[in-house]
Amino acid sequence: MVLSAFLLAGCGSREREPATMAIPTSAAAVEEDPENSVSPSSAVAPENFKDPVYNGLIKELVVPCEYDLDGDGTAETINYQVTDPERGEFDLRIGDAEIEGSGDQLTGSIYAMSIDGEKLQILLEDQGNNADEYSHVYVYQQGVLEPAGVLEGEISSYRVDTEKQQVTAAGTSRVFQSFTLEMDFALEDGVITEVPREFYQMGNEVTLRRALSLIEIREGDAYTLRMEAGSRLVVLGTDNQQWVCLQDVETGVEGWLQVPVDEFGQILVDGVSVSAQDYFDGLYYFG
């Protein structure tokens, strides 16, 4: 899902978010309706049934249940329970492996997804401390159960692309202002790892507190676009590293603003790092 090219006039569109679904069983897939029976040749054989979780759907599990999590041909029994709701403590068991861990406000719901269409990852739903939902991700391989990190946002908003072997979830901007971004993640060496995009959409409107010059072309040297104090601008988005793209509400003119690396909430003006709040009203900041 990494954008191969970015046009200033268009920052892409948000894809439809699929809902999670309850776990089906092989038996349900082949059960015949007595009043609408089918011939044996047209029935789906249980051994040929491929569970939808391997096709990109994220599914809630009813435990105990059995799945082949590591793709070795042997199904493992999955058990999960929140053992102490007040402390957020839980017990997760897969086969003979067990993890006793903790979260913030665990809901007790457990989900499965398959990033690559072959192996399964387990998601434990957590409502977080400030209603900032996220999920704990676990992987199981050859008898070993390990944490793989977390994914932000509601599980129902995640999208899995088994062809690209990525899951799209929420993330937080690291530059300019606080903003929830749509990000892509892969499973690398058993750890959920971000796959950087070229551009991340934002979309909020801000007002300039003092005049500021923007760069017409990213990576360019000349400050060719002069924005006067009082100008209303839309923050189109960022590469989440060094650049923010802004658009004048009245004229539609777009330009780039450079930000210092690893300095959140700062911008570069004539090469000097200054607070973005000195130049903009309407920026978002969490907390």
C-alpha atoms as a PDB file:
ATOM      1  CA  MET A   1       0.000   0.000   0.000  1.00  0.00           C
ATOM      2  CA  VAL A   2       2.975   2.285  -0.169  1.00  0.00           C
ATOM      3  CA  LEU A   3       2.190   5.017  -2.647  1.00  0.00           C
ATOM      4  CA  SER A   4       4.456   4.774  -5.650  1.00  0.00           C
ATOM      5  CA  ALA A   5       3.924   8.396  -6.582  1.00  0.00           C
ATOM      6  CA  PHE A   6       2.278  11.445  -5.051  1.00  0.00           C
ATOM      7  CA  LEU A   7       0.564  14.234  -6.928  1.00  0.00           C
ATOM      8  CA  LEU A   8       0.063  17.479  -5.050  1.00  0.00           C
ATOM      9  CA  ALA A   9      -3.477  17.826  -6.335  1.00  0.00           C
ATOM     10  CA  GLY A  10      -4.577  14.419  -5.097  1.00  0.00           C
ATOM     11  CA  CYS A  11      -3.608  12.672  -1.877  1.00  0.00           C
ATOM     12  CA  GLY A  12      -5.514   9.431  -2.479  1.00  0.00           C
ATOM     13  CA  SER A  13      -8.788   8.098  -1.124  1.00  0.00           C
ATOM     14  CA  ARG A  14      -9.630   6.081   1.961  1.00  0.00           C
ATOM     15  CA  GLU A  15     -10.594   2.482   1.310  1.00  0.00           C
ATOM     16  CA  ARG A  16     -13.732   0.840   2.664  1.00  0.00           C
ATOM     17  CA  GLU A  17     -13.277  -0.762   6.053  1.00  0.00           C
ATOM     18  CA  PRO A  18     -14.471  -4.382   6.272  1.00  0.00           C
ATOM     19  CA  ALA A  19     -16.230  -5.576   9.392  1.00  0.00           C
ATOM     20  CA  THR A  20     -15.018  -8.412  11.509  1.00  0.00           C
ATOM     21  CA  MET A  21     -17.058 -11.582  11.446  1.00  0.00           C
ATOM     22  CA  ALA A  22     -17.832 -14.466  13.771  1.00  0.00           C
ATOM     23  CA  ILE A  23     -15.866 -17.628  13.284  1.00  0.00           C
ATOM     24  CA  PRO A  24     -17.585 -20.180  11.015  1.00  0.00           C
ATOM     25  CA  THR A  25     -17.022 -23.913  11.241  1.00  0.00           C
ATOM     26  CA  SER A  26     -16.275 -26.413   8.530  1.00  0.00           C
ATOM     27  CA  ALA A  27     -19.382 -28.311   9.522  1.00  0.00           C
ATOM     28  CA  ALA A  28     -21.559 -25.242   8.995  1.00  0.00           C
ATOM     29  CA  ALA A  29     -20.096 -24.784   5.559  1.00  0.00           C
ATOM     30  CA  VAL A  30     -21.185 -28.227   4.398  1.00  0.00           C
ATOM     31  CA  GLU A  31     -24.358 -28.816   6.400  1.00  0.00           C
ATOM     32  CA  GLU A  32     -27.270 -29.665   4.123  1.00  0.00           C
ATOM     33  CA  ASP A  33     -30.700 -28.119   4.301  1.00  0.00           C
ATOM     34  CA  PRO A  34     -33.201 -31.021   4.315  1.00  0.00           C
ATOM     35  CA  GLU A  35     -35.603 -28.972   2.197  1.00  0.00           C
ATOM     36  CA  ASN A  36     -32.964 -27.780  -0.227  1.00  0.00           C
ATOM     37  CA  SER A  37     -30.440 -30.581  -0.428  1.00  0.00           C
ATOM     38  CA  VAL A  38     -27.600 -30.717  -2.927  1.00  0.00           C
ATOM     39  CA  SER A  39     -25.884 -33.641  -4.551  1.00  0.00           C
ATOM     40  CA  PRO A  40     -22.687 -35.000  -2.957  1.00  0.00           C
ATOM     41  CA  SER A  41     -20.678 -33.789  -5.934  1.00  0.00           C
ATOM     42  CA  SER A  42     -21.719 -30.178  -5.373  1.00  0.00           C
ATOM     43  CA  ALA A  43     -21.210 -30.153  -1.598  1.00  0.00           C
ATOM     44  CA  VAL A  44     -18.049 -28.547  -0.191  1.00  0.00           C
ATOM     45  CA  ALA A  45     -15.870 -31.237   1.348  1.00  0.00           C
ATOM     46  CA  PRO A  46     -14.601 -30.302   4.844  1.00  0.00           C
ATOM     47  CA  GLU A  47     -11.021 -31.080   3.852  1.00  0.00           C
ATOM     48  CA  ASN A  48     -11.268 -28.591   0.968  1.00  0.00           C
ATOM     49  CA  PHE A  49     -12.778 -25.792   3.054  1.00  0.00           C
ATOM     50  CA  LYS A  50     -10.479 -22.804   3.462  1.00  0.00           C
ATOM     51  CA  ASP A  51     -11.396 -20.658   6.410  1.00  0.00           C
ATOM     52  CA  PRO A  52     -12.045 -16.992   5.432  1.00  0.00           C
ATOM     53  CA  VAL A  53      -9.452 -15.841   7.972  1.00  0.00           C
ATOM     54  CA  TYR A  54      -6.783 -16.975   5.495  1.00  0.00           C
ATOM     55  CA  ASN A  55      -8.311 -14.698   2.840  1.00  0.00           C
ATOM     56  CA  GLY A  56      -7.889 -11.451   4.739  1.00  0.00           C
ATOM     57  CA  LEU A  57     -10.875 -11.379   7.092  1.00  0.00           C
ATOM     58  CA  ILE A  58     -10.284 -10.592  10.761  1.00  0.00           C
ATOM     59  CA  LYS A  59     -12.475 -12.816  12.865  1.00  0.00           C
ATOM     60  CA  GLU A  60     -13.568 -13.003  16.450  1.00  0.00           C
ATOM     61  CA  LEU A  61     -12.880 -16.393  18.028  1.00  0.00           C
ATOM     62  CA  VAL A  62     -15.046 -18.295  20.457  1.00  0.00           C
ATOM     63  CA  VAL A  63     -12.592 -20.105  22.705  1.00  0.00           C
ATOM     64  CA  PRO A  64     -11.660 -22.829  23.167  1.00  0.00           C
ATOM     65  CA  CYS A  65     -11.185 -23.452  19.464  1.00  0.00           C
ATOM     66  CA  GLU A  66      -8.632 -25.085  17.214  1.00  0.00           C
ATOM     67  CA  TYR A  67      -6.544 -23.585  14.416  1.00  0.00           C
ATOM     68  CA  ASP A  68      -3.267 -24.376  12.710  1.00  0.00           C
ATOM     69  CA  LEU A  69      -1.538 -21.140  13.685  1.00  0.00           C
ATOM     70  CA  ASP A  70       1.936 -21.830  12.319  1.00  0.00           C
ATOM     71  CA  GLY A  71       0.908 -23.621   9.132  1.00  0.00           C
ATOM     72  CA  ASP A  72       2.596 -26.925   9.967  1.00  0.00           C
ATOM     73  CA  GLY A  73      -0.536 -28.992   9.351  1.00  0.00           C
ATOM     74  CA  THR A  74      -1.358 -29.537  13.027  1.00  0.00           C
ATOM     75  CA  ALA A  75      -4.149 -27.612  14.735  1.00  0.00           C
ATOM     76  CA  GLU A  76      -3.453 -25.981  18.107  1.00  0.00           C
ATOM     77  CA  THR A  77      -6.056 -25.415  20.801  1.00  0.00           C
ATOM     78  CA  ILE A  78      -6.549 -21.722  21.641  1.00  0.00           C
ATOM     79  CA  ASN A  79      -7.688 -20.611  25.103  1.00  0.00           C
ATOM     80  CA  TYR A  80      -7.896 -17.059  26.437  1.00  0.00           C
ATOM     81  CA  GLN A  81      -9.342 -15.401  29.515  1.00  0.00           C
ATOM     82  CA  VAL A  82      -9.010 -12.140  31.401  1.00  0.00           C
ATOM     83  CA  THR A  83      -7.995 -13.355  34.857  1.00  0.00           C
ATOM     84  CA  ASP A  84      -8.086  -9.990  36.664  1.00  0.00           C
ATOM     85  CA  PRO A  85     -10.140  -7.267  34.907  1.00  0.00           C
ATOM     86  CA  GLU A  86      -9.124  -4.534  37.368  1.00  0.00           C
ATOM     87  CA  ARG A  87      -5.421  -5.124  36.813  1.00  0.00           C
ATOM     88  CA  GLY A  88      -5.850  -5.989  33.159  1.00  0.00           C
ATOM     89  CA  GLU A  89      -4.233  -9.394  33.604  1.00  0.00           C
ATOM     90  CA  PHE A  90      -4.864 -12.228  31.154  1.00  0.00           C
ATOM     91  CA  ASP A  91      -3.891 -15.788  30.362  1.00  0.00           C
ATOM     92  CA  LEU A  92      -3.366 -16.855  26.734  1.00  0.00           C
ATOM     93  CA  ARG A  93      -2.725 -20.493  25.910  1.00  0.00           C
ATOM     94  CA  ILE A  94      -2.003 -21.964  22.497  1.00  0.00           C
ATOM     95  CA  GLY A  95      -1.250 -25.661  22.515  1.00  0.00           C
ATOM     96  CA  ASP A  96       1.220 -26.253  25.322  1.00  0.00           C
ATOM     97  CA  ALA A  97       2.508 -22.659  25.229  1.00  0.00           C
ATOM     98  CA  GLU A  98       1.210 -20.077  27.687  1.00  0.00           C
ATOM     99  CA  ILE A  99       1.636 -16.352  28.321  1.00  0.00           C
ATOM    100  CA  GLU A 100       0.362 -14.540  31.394  1.00  0.00           C
ATOM    101  CA  GLY A 101       0.369 -10.851  30.559  1.00  0.00           C
ATOM    102  CA  SER A 102      -1.389  -7.572  31.205  1.00  0.00           C
ATOM    103  CA  GLY A 103      -3.026  -4.706  29.343  1.00  0.00           C
ATOM    104  CA  ASP A 104      -5.087  -1.645  30.177  1.00  0.00           C
ATOM    105  CA  GLN A 105      -8.798  -2.386  29.733  1.00  0.00           C
ATOM    106  CA  LEU A 106      -9.018  -5.772  28.082  1.00  0.00           C
ATOM    107  CA  THR A 107     -12.471  -6.559  26.712  1.00  0.00           C
ATOM    108  CA  GLY A 108     -12.007 -10.322  26.800  1.00  0.00           C
ATOM    109  CA  SER A 109     -12.470 -10.530  23.022  1.00  0.00           C
ATOM    110  CA  ILE A 110      -9.894 -12.423  20.972  1.00  0.00           C
ATOM    111  CA  TYR A 111      -9.464 -12.290  17.195  1.00  0.00           C
ATOM    112  CA  ALA A 112      -7.403 -14.007  14.518  1.00  0.00           C
ATOM    113  CA  MET A 113      -5.947 -12.638  11.291  1.00  0.00           C
ATOM    114  CA  SER A 114      -3.525 -13.942   8.684  1.00  0.00           C
ATOM    115  CA  ILE A 115      -1.195 -11.355   7.178  1.00  0.00           C
ATOM    116  CA  ASP A 116       0.340 -13.815   4.708  1.00  0.00           C
ATOM    117  CA  GLY A 117      -2.630 -16.138   4.135  1.00  0.00           C
ATOM    118  CA  GLU A 118      -0.778 -19.078   5.707  1.00  0.00           C
ATOM    119  CA  LYS A 119      -0.016 -18.411   9.372  1.00  0.00           C
ATOM    120  CA  LEU A 120      -2.309 -16.824  11.947  1.00  0.00           C
ATOM    121  CA  GLN A 121      -1.735 -13.954  14.343  1.00  0.00           C
ATOM    122  CA  ILE A 122      -3.777 -13.521  17.511  1.00  0.00           C
ATOM    123  CA  LEU A 123      -5.259 -10.151  18.546  1.00  0.00           C
ATOM    124  CA  LEU A 124      -6.386  -9.333  22.100  1.00  0.00           C
ATOM    125  CA  GLU A 125      -8.727  -6.342  22.176  1.00  0.00           C
ATOM    126  CA  ASP A 126      -7.897  -3.536  24.617  1.00  0.00           C
ATOM    127  CA  GLN A 127      -9.894  -0.329  25.139  1.00  0.00           C
ATOM    128  CA  GLY A 128      -6.847   1.516  26.472  1.00  0.00           C
ATOM    129  CA  ASN A 129      -6.604   4.076  29.253  1.00  0.00           C
ATOM    130  CA  ASN A 130      -8.235   7.006  27.449  1.00  0.00           C
ATOM    131  CA  ALA A 131     -10.633   5.194  25.124  1.00  0.00           C
ATOM    132  CA  ASP A 132      -7.739   4.839  22.679  1.00  0.00           C
ATOM    133  CA  GLU A 133      -8.408   1.302  21.539  1.00  0.00           C
ATOM    134  CA  TYR A 134      -5.626  -0.987  20.403  1.00  0.00           C
ATOM    135  CA  SER A 135      -4.817  -4.681  20.212  1.00  0.00           C
ATOM    136  CA  HIS A 136      -2.019  -6.883  21.554  1.00  0.00           C
ATOM    137  CA  VAL A 137      -0.621  -9.077  18.772  1.00  0.00           C
ATOM    138  CA  TYR A 138       0.799 -12.558  19.415  1.00  0.00           C
ATOM    139  CA  VAL A 139       2.394 -15.111  17.104  1.00  0.00           C
ATOM    140  CA  TYR A 140       2.847 -18.853  17.547  1.00  0.00           C
ATOM    141  CA  GLN A 141       5.589 -20.808  15.793  1.00  0.00           C
ATOM    142  CA  GLN A 142       6.768 -24.354  16.441  1.00  0.00           C
ATOM    143  CA  GLY A 143       5.473 -24.512  19.982  1.00  0.00           C
ATOM    144  CA  VAL A 144       6.617 -21.013  20.994  1.00  0.00           C
ATOM    145  CA  LEU A 145       4.152 -18.189  21.751  1.00  0.00           C
ATOM    146  CA  GLU A 146       5.596 -14.683  21.544  1.00  0.00           C
ATOM    147  CA  PRO A 147       4.320 -11.054  21.647  1.00  0.00           C
ATOM    148  CA  ALA A 148       4.625  -9.302  18.278  1.00  0.00           C
ATOM    149  CA  GLY A 149       3.738  -5.736  19.319  1.00  0.00           C
ATOM    150  CA  VAL A 150       0.532  -3.718  19.191  1.00  0.00           C
ATOM    151  CA  LEU A 151      -1.758  -2.247  16.554  1.00  0.00           C
ATOM    152  CA  GLU A 152      -3.603   0.993  17.303  1.00  0.00           C
ATOM    153  CA  GLY A 153      -7.285   1.618  16.658  1.00  0.00           C
ATOM    154  CA  GLU A 154     -10.410  -0.516  16.668  1.00  0.00           C
ATOM    155  CA  ILE A 155      -9.912  -4.019  15.333  1.00  0.00           C
ATOM    156  CA  SER A 156     -12.949  -3.555  13.067  1.00  0.00           C
ATOM    157  CA  SER A 157     -11.032  -0.810  11.231  1.00  0.00           C
ATOM    158  CA  TYR A 158      -8.021  -2.990  10.329  1.00  0.00           C
ATOM    159  CA  ARG A 159      -7.629  -4.166   6.734  1.00  0.00           C
ATOM    160  CA  VAL A 160      -5.528  -7.174   5.756  1.00  0.00           C
ATOM    161  CA  ASP A 161      -3.967  -7.580   2.304  1.00  0.00           C
ATOM    162  CA  THR A 162      -2.605 -11.120   2.072  1.00  0.00           C
ATOM    163  CA  GLU A 163      -1.039 -10.482  -1.346  1.00  0.00           C
ATOM    164  CA  LYS A 164       1.068  -7.615  -0.028  1.00  0.00           C
ATOM    165  CA  GLN A 165       1.343  -9.384   3.334  1.00  0.00           C
ATOM    166  CA  GLN A 166       0.370  -6.218   5.166  1.00  0.00           C
ATOM    167  CA  VAL A 167      -2.276  -5.013   7.597  1.00  0.00           C
ATOM    168  CA  THR A 168      -3.497  -1.420   7.562  1.00  0.00           C
ATOM    169  CA  ALA A 169      -4.285   0.123  10.928  1.00  0.00           C
ATOM    170  CA  ALA A 170      -4.090   3.441  12.770  1.00  0.00           C
ATOM    171  CA  GLY A 171      -0.870   5.206  13.658  1.00  0.00           C
ATOM    172  CA  THR A 172       0.204   8.565  15.063  1.00  0.00           C
ATOM    173  CA  SER A 173       2.073  11.328  13.240  1.00  0.00           C
ATOM    174  CA  ARG A 174       5.621  12.002  14.342  1.00  0.00           C
ATOM    175  CA  VAL A 175       5.969  15.531  12.932  1.00  0.00           C
ATOM    176  CA  PHE A 176       4.254  18.935  12.938  1.00  0.00           C
ATOM    177  CA  GLN A 177       1.039  18.068  14.823  1.00  0.00           C
ATOM    178  CA  SER A 178      -0.711  15.142  16.504  1.00  0.00           C
ATOM    179  CA  PHE A 179      -2.839  13.283  14.004  1.00  0.00           C
ATOM    180  CA  THR A 180      -4.159   9.772  13.591  1.00  0.00           C
ATOM    181  CA  LEU A 181      -2.811   8.408  10.318  1.00  0.00           C
ATOM    182  CA  GLU A 182      -3.620   5.323   8.292  1.00  0.00           C
ATOM    183  CA  MET A 183      -0.487   3.161   8.286  1.00  0.00           C
ATOM    184  CA  ASP A 184       0.633  -0.148   6.815  1.00  0.00           C
ATOM    185  CA  PHE A 185       2.360  -2.865   8.834  1.00  0.00           C
ATOM    186  CA  ALA A 186       4.099  -6.146   8.034  1.00  0.00           C
ATOM    187  CA  LEU A 187       5.252  -9.005  10.216  1.00  0.00           C
ATOM    188  CA  GLU A 188       9.052  -9.060  10.115  1.00  0.00           C
ATOM    189  CA  ASP A 189      10.944 -11.596  12.214  1.00  0.00           C
ATOM    190  CA  GLY A 190       7.846 -12.040  14.329  1.00  0.00           C
ATOM    191  CA  VAL A 191       7.400  -8.311  15.049  1.00  0.00           C
ATOM    192  CA  ILE A 192       4.745  -5.908  13.720  1.00  0.00           C
ATOM    193  CA  THR A 193       6.762  -3.351  11.727  1.00  0.00           C
ATOM    194  CA  GLU A 194       5.578  -0.236   9.888  1.00  0.00           C
ATOM    195  CA  VAL A 195       5.922  -0.177   6.100  1.00  0.00           C
ATOM    196  CA  PRO A 196       6.454   3.553   5.351  1.00  0.00           C
ATOM    197  CA  ARG A 197       4.214   5.290   2.848  1.00  0.00           C
ATOM    198  CA  GLU A 198       5.368   8.192   0.713  1.00  0.00           C
ATOM    199  CA  PHE A 199       2.475  10.336   1.935  1.00  0.00           C
ATOM    200  CA  TYR A 200      -0.007  10.286   4.833  1.00  0.00           C
ATOM    201  CA  GLN A 201      -3.246  12.253   4.600  1.00  0.00           C
ATOM    202  CA  MET A 202      -4.344  14.716   7.263  1.00  0.00           C
ATOM    203  CA  GLY A 203      -6.936  17.281   6.155  1.00  0.00           C
ATOM    204  CA  ASN A 204      -7.558  19.779   8.991  1.00  0.00           C
ATOM    205  CA  GLU A 205      -7.717  23.541   8.441  1.00  0.00           C
ATOM    206  CA  VAL A 206      -5.317  25.972  10.139  1.00  0.00           C
ATOM    207  CA  THR A 207      -4.767  29.733  10.083  1.00  0.00           C
ATOM    208  CA  LEU A 208      -1.415  31.465   9.688  1.00  0.00           C
ATOM    209  CA  ARG A 209      -0.489  33.688  12.599  1.00  0.00           C
ATOM    210  CA  ARG A 210       2.390  35.288  10.707  1.00  0.00           C
ATOM    211  CA  ALA A 211       3.615  35.335   7.121  1.00  0.00           C
ATOM    212  CA  LEU A 212       5.385  32.210   5.899  1.00  0.00           C
ATOM    213  CA  SER A 213       6.991  31.084   2.649  1.00  0.00           C
ATOM    214  CA  LEU A 214       6.487  27.582   1.267  1.00  0.00           C
ATOM    215  CA  ILE A 215       8.503  25.553  -1.215  1.00  0.00           C
ATOM    216  CA  GLU A 216       6.702  24.946  -4.492  1.00  0.00           C
ATOM    217  CA  ILE A 217       8.433  21.633  -5.154  1.00  0.00           C
ATOM    218  CA  ARG A 218       9.481  19.283  -2.386  1.00  0.00           C
ATOM    219  CA  GLU A 219      13.259  18.958  -2.091  1.00  0.00           C
ATOM    220  CA  GLY A 220      13.570  22.310  -3.869  1.00  0.00           C
ATOM    221  CA  ASP A 221      15.607  25.276  -2.610  1.00  0.00           C
ATOM    222  CA  ALA A 222      13.577  28.330  -3.623  1.00  0.00           C
ATOM    223  CA  TYR A 223      10.845  29.669  -1.322  1.00  0.00           C
ATOM    224  CA  THR A 224       8.460  30.692  -4.057  1.00  0.00           C
ATOM    225  CA  LEU A 225       5.035  30.665  -2.372  1.00  0.00           C
ATOM    226  CA  ARG A 226       4.381  33.512   0.031  1.00  0.00           C
ATOM    227  CA  MET A 227       1.519  32.972   2.487  1.00  0.00           C
ATOM    228  CA  GLU A 228       0.402  36.034   4.410  1.00  0.00           C
ATOM    229  CA  ALA A 229      -0.761  36.212   8.026  1.00  0.00           C
ATOM    230  CA  GLY A 230      -4.447  35.331   8.275  1.00  0.00           C
ATOM    231  CA  SER A 231      -4.326  32.877   5.375  1.00  0.00           C
ATOM    232  CA  ARG A 232      -6.491  29.798   5.835  1.00  0.00           C
ATOM    233  CA  LEU A 233      -4.670  26.608   4.894  1.00  0.00           C
ATOM    234  CA  VAL A 234      -5.549  22.936   4.730  1.00  0.00           C
ATOM    235  CA  VAL A 235      -2.890  20.567   6.027  1.00  0.00           C
ATOM    236  CA  LEU A 236      -3.092  18.032   3.201  1.00  0.00           C
ATOM    237  CA  GLY A 237      -0.612  15.649   4.789  1.00  0.00           C
ATOM    238  CA  THR A 238       2.974  14.682   5.429  1.00  0.00           C
ATOM    239  CA  ASP A 239       5.661  12.127   4.661  1.00  0.00           C
ATOM    240  CA  ASN A 240       5.910  11.815   8.475  1.00  0.00           C
ATOM    241  CA  GLN A 241       9.614  12.589   8.263  1.00  0.00           C
ATOM    242  CA  GLN A 242      10.642  15.977   6.822  1.00  0.00           C
ATOM    243  CA  TRP A 243       7.768  17.532   4.869  1.00  0.00           C
ATOM    244  CA  VAL A 244       4.230  18.818   5.298  1.00  0.00           C
ATOM    245  CA  CYS A 245       1.994  19.755   2.353  1.00  0.00           C
ATOM    246  CA  LEU A 246      -0.328  22.771   2.741  1.00  0.00           C
ATOM    247  CA  GLN A 247      -3.024  24.194   0.475  1.00  0.00           C
ATOM    248  CA  ASP A 248      -4.394  27.755   0.470  1.00  0.00           C
ATOM    249  CA  VAL A 249      -8.180  27.556   0.964  1.00  0.00           C
ATOM    250  CA  GLU A 250      -8.904  30.630  -1.198  1.00  0.00           C
ATOM    251  CA  THR A 251      -6.576  30.028  -4.136  1.00  0.00           C
ATOM    252  CA  GLY A 252      -6.066  26.265  -4.071  1.00  0.00           C
ATOM    253  CA  VAL A 253      -2.292  26.798  -4.344  1.00  0.00           C
ATOM    254  CA  GLU A 254      -0.248  24.068  -2.677  1.00  0.00           C
ATOM    255  CA  GLY A 255       3.239  24.139  -1.225  1.00  0.00           C
ATOM    256  CA  TRP A 256       5.628  22.244   1.011  1.00  0.00           C
ATOM    257  CA  LEU A 257       6.877  23.164   4.468  1.00  0.00           C
ATOM    258  CA  GLN A 258      10.021  21.500   5.771  1.00  0.00           C
ATOM    259  CA  VAL A 259      10.149  20.240   9.355  1.00  0.00           C
ATOM    260  CA  PRO A 260      13.223  19.178  11.362  1.00  0.00           C
ATOM    261  CA  VAL A 261      13.818  15.444  11.715  1.00  0.00           C
ATOM    262  CA  ASP A 262      12.954  14.004  15.148  1.00  0.00           C
ATOM    263  CA  GLU A 263      11.639  17.339  16.464  1.00  0.00           C
ATOM    264  CA  PHE A 264       7.902  16.988  16.953  1.00  0.00           C
ATOM    265  CA  GLY A 265       5.839  20.191  16.795  1.00  0.00           C
ATOM    266  CA  GLN A 266       8.616  22.173  15.125  1.00  0.00           C
ATOM    267  CA  ILE A 267       9.033  23.674  11.629  1.00  0.00           C
ATOM    268  CA  LEU A 268      12.005  25.100   9.754  1.00  0.00           C
ATOM    269  CA  VAL A 269      11.938  28.800   8.913  1.00  0.00           C
ATOM    270  CA  ASP A 270      15.022  30.000   7.041  1.00  0.00           C
ATOM    271  CA  GLY A 271      16.777  26.889   8.294  1.00  0.00           C
ATOM    272  CA  VAL A 272      15.977  27.563  11.948  1.00  0.00           C
ATOM    273  CA  SER A 273      13.814  25.229  14.036  1.00  0.00           C
ATOM    274  CA  VAL A 274      10.866  27.087  15.594  1.00  0.00           C
ATOM    275  CA  SER A 275       7.603  26.058  17.217  1.00  0.00           C
ATOM    276  CA  ALA A 276       4.801  25.349  14.726  1.00  0.00           C
ATOM    277  CA  GLN A 277       2.360  26.977  17.165  1.00  0.00           C
ATOM    278  CA  ASP A 278       4.159  30.310  16.672  1.00  0.00           C
ATOM    279  CA  TYR A 279       2.964  30.244  13.047  1.00  0.00           C
ATOM    280  CA  PHE A 280      -0.294  28.284  13.047  1.00  0.00           C
ATOM    281  CA  ASP A 281      -3.614  28.347  14.881  1.00  0.00           C
ATOM    282  CA  GLY A 282      -5.735  25.193  14.751  1.00  0.00           C
ATOM    283  CA  LEU A 283      -3.040  22.519  15.051  1.00  0.00           C
ATOM    284  CA  TYR A 284      -3.971  19.249  16.748  1.00  0.00           C
ATOM    285  CA  TYR A 285      -2.130  17.987  19.826  1.00  0.00           C
ATOM    286  CA  PHE A 286      -3.058  14.889  21.812  1.00  0.00           C
ATOM    287  CA  GLY A 287      -2.960  14.832  25.590  1.00  0.00           C
END
